Amino acid sequence: MATIREVRIDAAHGIVVQGWRSTEDGLFLRVRGQPEEVRLVCVCGRSHWIVREQFSLGSASLILICHACGTRGSFVMEGVTLPAP
């Protein structure tokens, strides 16, 4: 079984998210420049997040809140489009 690379939110500044998925094992991000998905881990050690995509003129962001401790984070998203109404 392959080892899952984990990235702590406090060490993830500047990453660009190209896709994401949430499972019972945590939040997995496809990050520009990384060959495989990474699991995002909070400073409290948990990997379960409340996730929201935010779209504005010409840009998209992934907004996160740790389900356990409330730590917040946000990342620029690349290659995503606004979902159809």
C-alpha atoms as a PDB file:
ATOM      1  CA  MET A   1       0.000   0.000   0.000  1.00  0.00           C
ATOM      2  CA  ALA A   2       1.309   3.455  -0.926  1.00  0.00           C
ATOM      3  CA  THR A   3       2.236   5.940   1.779  1.00  0.00           C
ATOM      4  CA  ILE A   4       0.013   9.004   1.860  1.00  0.00           C
ATOM      5  CA  ARG A   5       1.924  12.260   2.044  1.00  0.00           C
ATOM      6  CA  GLU A   6       0.523  14.584   4.701  1.00  0.00           C
ATOM      7  CA  VAL A   7       0.851  18.356   4.676  1.00  0.00           C
ATOM      8  CA  ARG A   8       0.114  20.444   7.765  1.00  0.00           C
ATOM      9  CA  ILE A   9      -2.017  23.498   7.162  1.00  0.00           C
ATOM     10  CA  ASP A  10       0.554  25.746   8.839  1.00  0.00           C
ATOM     11  CA  ALA A  11       3.180  24.566   6.300  1.00  0.00           C
ATOM     12  CA  ALA A  12       0.918  24.775   3.247  1.00  0.00           C
ATOM     13  CA  HIS A  13       1.047  28.509   2.497  1.00  0.00           C
ATOM     14  CA  GLY A  14       1.145  29.281  -1.199  1.00  0.00           C
ATOM     15  CA  ILE A  15      -0.004  25.920  -2.526  1.00  0.00           C
ATOM     16  CA  VAL A  16      -2.384  25.934  -5.490  1.00  0.00           C
ATOM     17  CA  VAL A  17      -5.195  23.381  -5.368  1.00  0.00           C
ATOM     18  CA  GLN A  18      -6.237  21.754  -8.641  1.00  0.00           C
ATOM     19  CA  GLY A  19      -8.849  19.456  -7.103  1.00  0.00           C
ATOM     20  CA  TRP A  20      -9.992  17.980  -3.821  1.00  0.00           C
ATOM     21  CA  ARG A  21     -11.989  15.151  -2.301  1.00  0.00           C
ATOM     22  CA  SER A  22     -13.210  14.432   1.191  1.00  0.00           C
ATOM     23  CA  THR A  23     -13.395  10.880   2.566  1.00  0.00           C
ATOM     24  CA  GLU A  24     -13.685   9.252   5.963  1.00  0.00           C
ATOM     25  CA  ASP A  25      -9.856   9.269   5.989  1.00  0.00           C
ATOM     26  CA  GLY A  26      -9.650  13.050   5.611  1.00  0.00           C
ATOM     27  CA  LEU A  27      -9.355  15.826   3.036  1.00  0.00           C
ATOM     28  CA  PHE A  28      -7.183  15.041   0.011  1.00  0.00           C
ATOM     29  CA  LEU A  29      -5.849  17.765  -2.290  1.00  0.00           C
ATOM     30  CA  ARG A  30      -4.420  17.636  -5.789  1.00  0.00           C
ATOM     31  CA  VAL A  31      -1.701  20.272  -5.594  1.00  0.00           C
ATOM     32  CA  ARG A  32       0.117  21.886  -8.510  1.00  0.00           C
ATOM     33  CA  GLY A  33       3.616  20.427  -8.769  1.00  0.00           C
ATOM     34  CA  GLN A  34       2.847  17.261  -6.782  1.00  0.00           C
ATOM     35  CA  PRO A  35       2.538  13.927  -8.600  1.00  0.00           C
ATOM     36  CA  GLU A  36       0.091  12.476  -6.054  1.00  0.00           C
ATOM     37  CA  GLU A  37      -2.648  13.712  -3.754  1.00  0.00           C
ATOM     38  CA  VAL A  38      -1.730  14.955  -0.289  1.00  0.00           C
ATOM     39  CA  ARG A  39      -3.810  14.749   2.889  1.00  0.00           C
ATOM     40  CA  LEU A  40      -4.242  18.084   4.654  1.00  0.00           C
ATOM     41  CA  VAL A  41      -3.692  17.867   8.422  1.00  0.00           C
ATOM     42  CA  CYS A  42      -4.621  20.544  10.954  1.00  0.00           C
ATOM     43  CA  VAL A  43      -2.336  21.872  13.702  1.00  0.00           C
ATOM     44  CA  CYS A  44      -4.469  19.819  16.138  1.00  0.00           C
ATOM     45  CA  GLY A  45      -3.551  16.626  14.240  1.00  0.00           C
ATOM     46  CA  ARG A  46      -6.972  15.975  12.733  1.00  0.00           C
ATOM     47  CA  SER A  47      -7.767  15.801   9.014  1.00  0.00           C
ATOM     48  CA  HIS A  48     -11.503  16.495   8.898  1.00  0.00           C
ATOM     49  CA  TRP A  49     -12.536  19.833   7.439  1.00  0.00           C
ATOM     50  CA  ILE A  50     -15.628  21.855   6.633  1.00  0.00           C
ATOM     51  CA  VAL A  51     -14.997  22.771   2.997  1.00  0.00           C
ATOM     52  CA  ARG A  52     -16.435  25.528   0.830  1.00  0.00           C
ATOM     53  CA  GLU A  53     -15.510  26.633  -2.669  1.00  0.00           C
ATOM     54  CA  GLN A  54     -15.738  30.374  -3.229  1.00  0.00           C
ATOM     55  CA  PHE A  55     -15.923  31.843  -6.718  1.00  0.00           C
ATOM     56  CA  SER A  56     -15.392  35.497  -7.598  1.00  0.00           C
ATOM     57  CA  LEU A  57     -14.567  37.306 -10.812  1.00  0.00           C
ATOM     58  CA  GLY A  58     -11.721  35.410 -12.406  1.00  0.00           C
ATOM     59  CA  SER A  59     -10.684  33.375  -9.366  1.00  0.00           C
ATOM     60  CA  ALA A  60     -11.704  30.512  -7.111  1.00  0.00           C
ATOM     61  CA  SER A  61     -10.691  29.681  -3.551  1.00  0.00           C
ATOM     62  CA  LEU A  62     -11.004  26.673  -1.293  1.00  0.00           C
ATOM     63  CA  ILE A  63     -12.062  27.813   2.197  1.00  0.00           C
ATOM     64  CA  LEU A  64     -11.478  25.386   5.091  1.00  0.00           C
ATOM     65  CA  ILE A  65     -12.401  25.161   8.773  1.00  0.00           C
ATOM     66  CA  CYS A  66     -11.112  22.319  10.948  1.00  0.00           C
ATOM     67  CA  HIS A  67     -14.055  20.311  12.235  1.00  0.00           C
ATOM     68  CA  ALA A  68     -12.242  19.660  15.538  1.00  0.00           C
ATOM     69  CA  CYS A  69     -10.602  22.937  16.612  1.00  0.00           C
ATOM     70  CA  GLY A  70     -11.864  25.638  14.212  1.00  0.00           C
ATOM     71  CA  THR A  71      -8.520  26.447  12.574  1.00  0.00           C
ATOM     72  CA  ARG A  72      -9.155  28.223   9.271  1.00  0.00           C
ATOM     73  CA  GLY A  73      -7.336  28.200   5.978  1.00  0.00           C
ATOM     74  CA  SER A  74      -7.793  29.099   2.343  1.00  0.00           C
ATOM     75  CA  PHE A  75      -6.067  28.181  -0.896  1.00  0.00           C
ATOM     76  CA  VAL A  76      -6.185  29.476  -4.445  1.00  0.00           C
ATOM     77  CA  MET A  77      -7.783  26.968  -6.827  1.00  0.00           C
ATOM     78  CA  GLU A  78      -6.623  26.518 -10.408  1.00  0.00           C
ATOM     79  CA  GLY A  79      -8.426  24.887 -13.318  1.00  0.00           C
ATOM     80  CA  VAL A  80     -11.875  24.832 -11.734  1.00  0.00           C
ATOM     81  CA  THR A  81     -15.048  26.358 -13.104  1.00  0.00           C
ATOM     82  CA  LEU A  82     -18.209  27.640 -11.509  1.00  0.00           C
ATOM     83  CA  PRO A  83     -20.740  24.822 -11.194  1.00  0.00           C
ATOM     84  CA  ALA A  84     -23.847  25.080 -13.364  1.00  0.00           C
ATOM     85  CA  PRO A  85     -26.938  26.434 -11.570  1.00  0.00           C
END
